[in-house]
C-alpha atoms as a PDB file:
ATOM      1  CA  MET A   1      51.174  71.273 135.511  1.00  0.00           C
ATOM      2  CA  TYR A   2      51.616  74.060 133.379  1.00  0.00           C
ATOM      3  CA  GLN A   3      53.903  76.765 133.729  1.00  0.00           C
ATOM      4  CA  ARG A   4      53.682  79.413 130.521  1.00  0.00           C
ATOM      5  CA  ILE A   5      49.967  80.311 129.508  1.00  0.00           C
ATOM      6  CA  LEU A   6      48.312  82.215 126.933  1.00  0.00           C
ATOM      7  CA  VAL A   7      45.233  83.411 127.208  1.00  0.00           C
ATOM      8  CA  PRO A   8      43.045  85.456 124.566  1.00  0.00           C
ATOM      9  CA  VAL A   9      41.018  88.221 125.792  1.00  0.00           C
ATOM     10  CA  ASP A  10      38.679  90.197 124.401  1.00  0.00           C
ATOM     11  CA  GLY A  11      36.846  91.678 127.320  1.00  0.00           C
ATOM     12  CA  SER A  12      33.762  89.480 127.070  1.00  0.00           C
ATOM     13  CA  GLU A  13      32.211  87.319 130.157  1.00  0.00           C
ATOM     14  CA  THR A  14      33.529  84.235 128.708  1.00  0.00           C
ATOM     15  CA  ALA A  15      37.100  85.397 127.971  1.00  0.00           C
ATOM     16  CA  THR A  16      37.551  86.537 131.674  1.00  0.00           C
ATOM     17  CA  LYS A  17      36.000  83.506 132.887  1.00  0.00           C
ATOM     18  CA  ALA A  18      38.915  81.748 130.697  1.00  0.00           C
ATOM     19  CA  MET A  19      41.106  84.051 132.143  1.00  0.00           C
ATOM     20  CA  ILE A  20      40.157  83.383 136.018  1.00  0.00           C
ATOM     21  CA  ALA A  21      41.255  79.773 134.944  1.00  0.00           C
ATOM     22  CA  ALA A  22      44.485  79.872 133.558  1.00  0.00           C
ATOM     23  CA  LEU A  23      45.366  82.436 136.527  1.00  0.00           C
ATOM     24  CA  GLN A  24      44.063  79.954 139.435  1.00  0.00           C
ATOM     25  CA  MET A  25      46.384  77.268 137.726  1.00  0.00           C
ATOM     26  CA  ALA A  26      49.128  79.537 137.009  1.00  0.00           C
ATOM     27  CA  ARG A  27      49.039  80.520 140.675  1.00  0.00           C
ATOM     28  CA  ASP A  28      48.888  76.672 141.308  1.00  0.00           C
ATOM     29  CA  SER A  29      51.459  75.617 139.587  1.00  0.00           C
ATOM     30  CA  ASP A  30      54.113  79.337 140.243  1.00  0.00           C
ATOM     31  CA  GLY A  31      53.772  79.887 136.586  1.00  0.00           C
ATOM     32  CA  GLN A  32      52.775  83.397 134.673  1.00  0.00           C
ATOM     33  CA  VAL A  33      50.409  84.615 131.885  1.00  0.00           C
ATOM     34  CA  HIS A  34      50.616  85.908 128.709  1.00  0.00           C
ATOM     35  CA  LEU A  35      47.378  88.401 127.744  1.00  0.00           C
ATOM     36  CA  VAL A  36      47.023  89.018 124.161  1.00  0.00           C
ATOM     37  CA  HIS A  37      44.281  90.821 122.323  1.00  0.00           C
ATOM     38  CA  VAL A  38      43.486  90.595 118.415  1.00  0.00           C
ATOM     39  CA  VAL A  39      42.272  93.858 117.216  1.00  0.00           C
ATOM     40  CA  GLU A  40      40.384  91.846 114.482  1.00  0.00           C
ATOM     41  CA  GLY A  41      38.659  93.415 111.166  1.00  0.00           C
ATOM     42  CA  MET A  42      34.930  94.814 111.421  1.00  0.00           C
ATOM     43  CA  THR A  43      32.218  94.438 109.502  1.00  0.00           C
ATOM     44  CA  PRO A  44      31.423  96.664 106.323  1.00  0.00           C
ATOM     45  CA  LEU A  45      29.953  98.816 108.034  1.00  0.00           C
ATOM     46  CA  ALA A  46      32.765 100.117 109.315  1.00  0.00           C
ATOM     47  CA  ALA A  47      34.854 100.423 106.568  1.00  0.00           C
ATOM     48  CA  ASP A  48      34.187 102.538 103.328  1.00  0.00           C
ATOM     49  CA  PRO A  49      32.929 101.417  99.599  1.00  0.00           C
ATOM     50  CA  TYR A  50      36.399  99.730  98.927  1.00  0.00           C
ATOM     51  CA  GLY A  51      37.120  98.119 102.061  1.00  0.00           C
ATOM     52  CA  ALA A  52      39.272 100.175 104.294  1.00  0.00           C
ATOM     53  CA  TYR A  53      38.791 101.086 107.722  1.00  0.00           C
ATOM     54  CA  SER A  54      38.528 105.092 108.726  1.00  0.00           C
ATOM     55  CA  GLY A  55      41.362 106.046 111.304  1.00  0.00           C
ATOM     56  CA  GLU A  56      39.169 107.065 113.339  1.00  0.00           C
ATOM     57  CA  VAL A  57      37.725 103.305 113.685  1.00  0.00           C
ATOM     58  CA  ILE A  58      40.988 102.076 113.941  1.00  0.00           C
ATOM     59  CA  GLU A  59      42.449 104.229 116.810  1.00  0.00           C
ATOM     60  CA  ILE A  60      38.993 103.501 118.950  1.00  0.00           C
ATOM     61  CA  MET A  61      39.814  99.858 118.274  1.00  0.00           C
ATOM     62  CA  ARG A  62      43.186  99.608 119.159  1.00  0.00           C
ATOM     63  CA  GLN A  63      42.223 101.650 121.862  1.00  0.00           C
ATOM     64  CA  SER A  64      39.802  99.569 123.355  1.00  0.00           C
ATOM     65  CA  GLY A  65      42.181  96.881 122.929  1.00  0.00           C
ATOM     66  CA  ILE A  66      44.960  98.490 124.890  1.00  0.00           C
ATOM     67  CA  LYS A  67      41.993  98.956 127.624  1.00  0.00           C
ATOM     68  CA  ILE A  68      41.131  95.229 127.603  1.00  0.00           C
ATOM     69  CA  LEU A  69      44.217  94.063 128.422  1.00  0.00           C
ATOM     70  CA  GLU A  70      44.945  97.060 131.270  1.00  0.00           C
ATOM     71  CA  ASP A  71      41.841  95.517 132.732  1.00  0.00           C
ATOM     72  CA  ALA A  72      43.240  91.939 132.541  1.00  0.00           C
ATOM     73  CA  LEU A  73      46.230  92.806 133.424  1.00  0.00           C
ATOM     74  CA  VAL A  74      44.958  94.500 136.789  1.00  0.00           C
ATOM     75  CA  VAL A  75      43.060  90.841 137.522  1.00  0.00           C
ATOM     76  CA  ALA A  76      45.873  88.753 136.761  1.00  0.00           C
ATOM     77  CA  LYS A  77      48.104  90.912 139.178  1.00  0.00           C
ATOM     78  CA  ALA A  78      45.764  91.068 142.445  1.00  0.00           C
ATOM     79  CA  ALA A  79      45.385  87.095 142.082  1.00  0.00           C
ATOM     80  CA  GLY A  80      49.274  87.391 142.983  1.00  0.00           C
ATOM     81  CA  VAL A  81      49.738  85.627 139.353  1.00  0.00           C
ATOM     82  CA  PRO A  82      53.010  87.180 137.541  1.00  0.00           C
ATOM     83  CA  ALA A  83      51.907  88.708 133.698  1.00  0.00           C
ATOM     84  CA  ASP A  84      52.159  90.542 130.442  1.00  0.00           C
ATOM     85  CA  THR A  85      50.187  91.645 127.557  1.00  0.00           C
ATOM     86  CA  GLU A  86      50.577  91.976 123.864  1.00  0.00           C
ATOM     87  CA  LEU A  87      48.076  93.564 121.908  1.00  0.00           C
ATOM     88  CA  PHE A  88      48.145  92.823 117.915  1.00  0.00           C
ATOM     89  CA  ASP A  89      46.098  95.046 115.451  1.00  0.00           C
ATOM     90  CA  ASN A  90      47.647  93.679 111.945  1.00  0.00           C
ATOM     91  CA  PHE A  91      44.242  93.450 110.203  1.00  0.00           C
ATOM     92  CA  GLY A  92      43.931  90.411 107.645  1.00  0.00           C
ATOM     93  CA  GLU A  93      45.454  87.866 110.235  1.00  0.00           C
ATOM     94  CA  ARG A  94      42.886  85.554 111.701  1.00  0.00           C
ATOM     95  CA  LEU A  95      42.810  85.264 115.855  1.00  0.00           C
ATOM     96  CA  ALA A  96      43.493  81.464 115.183  1.00  0.00           C
ATOM     97  CA  GLU A  97      46.991  82.572 113.552  1.00  0.00           C
ATOM     98  CA  VAL A  98      47.837  84.892 115.866  1.00  0.00           C
ATOM     99  CA  VAL A  99      47.046  83.299 118.794  1.00  0.00           C
ATOM    100  CA  ALA A 100      49.414  80.621 117.489  1.00  0.00           C
ATOM    101  CA  ASP A 101      51.929  82.346 116.353  1.00  0.00           C
ATOM    102  CA  ALA A 102      51.679  84.230 120.160  1.00  0.00           C
ATOM    103  CA  ALA A 103      51.760  80.864 121.837  1.00  0.00           C
ATOM    104  CA  THR A 104      55.211  79.626 120.138  1.00  0.00           C
ATOM    105  CA  ARG A 105      57.020  83.456 120.232  1.00  0.00           C
ATOM    106  CA  PHE A 106      56.164  82.784 124.273  1.00  0.00           C
ATOM    107  CA  LYS A 107      57.329  79.180 124.319  1.00  0.00           C
ATOM    108  CA  ALA A 108      53.832  78.507 126.005  1.00  0.00           C
ATOM    109  CA  ASP A 109      52.556  75.524 127.024  1.00  0.00           C
ATOM    110  CA  LEU A 110      49.309  75.412 127.501  1.00  0.00           C
ATOM    111  CA  ILE A 111      46.494  78.060 125.637  1.00  0.00           C
ATOM    112  CA  VAL A 112      43.014  78.673 127.913  1.00  0.00           C
ATOM    113  CA  VAL A 113      40.385  80.202 125.629  1.00  0.00           C
ATOM    114  CA  GLY A 114      36.691  80.992 126.311  1.00  0.00           C
ATOM    115  CA  THR A 115      34.028  79.798 123.847  1.00  0.00           C
ATOM    116  CA  HIS A 116      30.514  80.545 123.912  1.00  0.00           C
ATOM    117  CA  GLY A 117      29.501  77.060 122.932  1.00  0.00           C
ATOM    118  CA  ARG A 118      27.408  77.753 119.820  1.00  0.00           C
ATOM    119  CA  ARG A 119      25.761  75.723 117.717  1.00  0.00           C
ATOM    120  CA  GLY A 120      23.906  74.833 114.488  1.00  0.00           C
ATOM    121  CA  LEU A 121      23.569  78.563 112.562  1.00  0.00           C
ATOM    122  CA  GLY A 122      25.184  80.577 114.856  1.00  0.00           C
ATOM    123  CA  ARG A 123      28.248  78.933 114.797  1.00  0.00           C
ATOM    124  CA  MET A 124      28.196  78.768 111.183  1.00  0.00           C
ATOM    125  CA  MET A 125      27.524  82.443 110.862  1.00  0.00           C
ATOM    126  CA  LEU A 126      30.048  83.498 113.778  1.00  0.00           C
ATOM    127  CA  GLY A 127      32.406  81.069 113.278  1.00  0.00           C
ATOM    128  CA  SER A 128      34.416  79.329 116.422  1.00  0.00           C
ATOM    129  CA  GLY A 129      37.219  81.256 117.177  1.00  0.00           C
ATOM    130  CA  ALA A 130      37.946  78.756 119.787  1.00  0.00           C
ATOM    131  CA  GLU A 131      37.872  75.841 117.122  1.00  0.00           C
ATOM    132  CA  GLN A 132      40.009  77.677 115.026  1.00  0.00           C
ATOM    133  CA  ILE A 133      42.558  78.098 118.186  1.00  0.00           C
ATOM    134  CA  ILE A 134      42.500  74.723 118.869  1.00  0.00           C
ATOM    135  CA  ARG A 135      42.867  73.446 115.150  1.00  0.00           C
ATOM    136  CA  LEU A 136      46.281  75.892 114.607  1.00  0.00           C
ATOM    137  CA  ALA A 137      47.557  76.155 118.704  1.00  0.00           C
ATOM    138  CA  PRO A 138      51.117  74.170 118.923  1.00  0.00           C
ATOM    139  CA  VAL A 139      49.957  73.182 122.352  1.00  0.00           C
ATOM    140  CA  PRO A 140      47.404  72.025 124.025  1.00  0.00           C
ATOM    141  CA  VAL A 141      44.161  74.218 124.526  1.00  0.00           C
ATOM    142  CA  LEU A 142      41.877  74.105 127.470  1.00  0.00           C
ATOM    143  CA  VAL A 143      38.239  75.368 126.389  1.00  0.00           C
ATOM    144  CA  ILE A 144      36.647  77.353 128.858  1.00  0.00           C
ATOM    145  CA  ARG A 145      32.874  76.987 127.761  1.00  0.00           C
ATOM    146  CA  HIS A 146      30.335  79.864 128.592  1.00  0.00           C
ATOM    147  CA  SER A 147      27.451  78.975 131.198  1.00  0.00           C
ATOM    148  CA  GLU A 148      24.212  79.243 130.355  1.00  0.00           C
ATOM    149  CA  LYS A 149      21.512  80.846 132.710  1.00  0.00           C
ATOM    150  CA  LYS A 150      18.639  78.730 132.874  1.00  0.00           C
ATOM    151  CA  ASP A 151      15.935  80.288 133.782  1.00  0.00           C
ATOM    152  CA  THR A 152      14.010  78.722 136.436  1.00  0.00           C
ATOM    153  CA  ALA A 153      11.306  80.516 137.050  1.00  0.00           C
ATOM    154  CA  THR A 154       8.021  78.858 135.621  1.00  0.00           C
END
């Protein structure tokens, strides 16, 4: 079983679903989780014409990341799973590279990540963070797919 599980969290429903799966696995194997949040660069709208971010925007992004990690830690503690957190706010680094490096430093034996399962143009435009993590990960990656809610009303 996996003892050291790294989970990237971003506050989304999909990331939360992945975190809950990781917590269940860790609880079942007396393992621990390392919750990470990566503050990524934003769209050009948040930057000045020269590509720099305002200090206020950067601070808001950091505070949001801290809150996401605090909330995730509360869930882990409630589940009875030993957990810690780490915030990465080095702009310019890709999500997958940061996660792979964090997994190596934490000595993770598994990464659990959520995915929206986008296809076609949506995937091409937005990229696939999960796919990039899989490509660079130094350990196995469990991908938890976002469940599409089907409208059953006719």
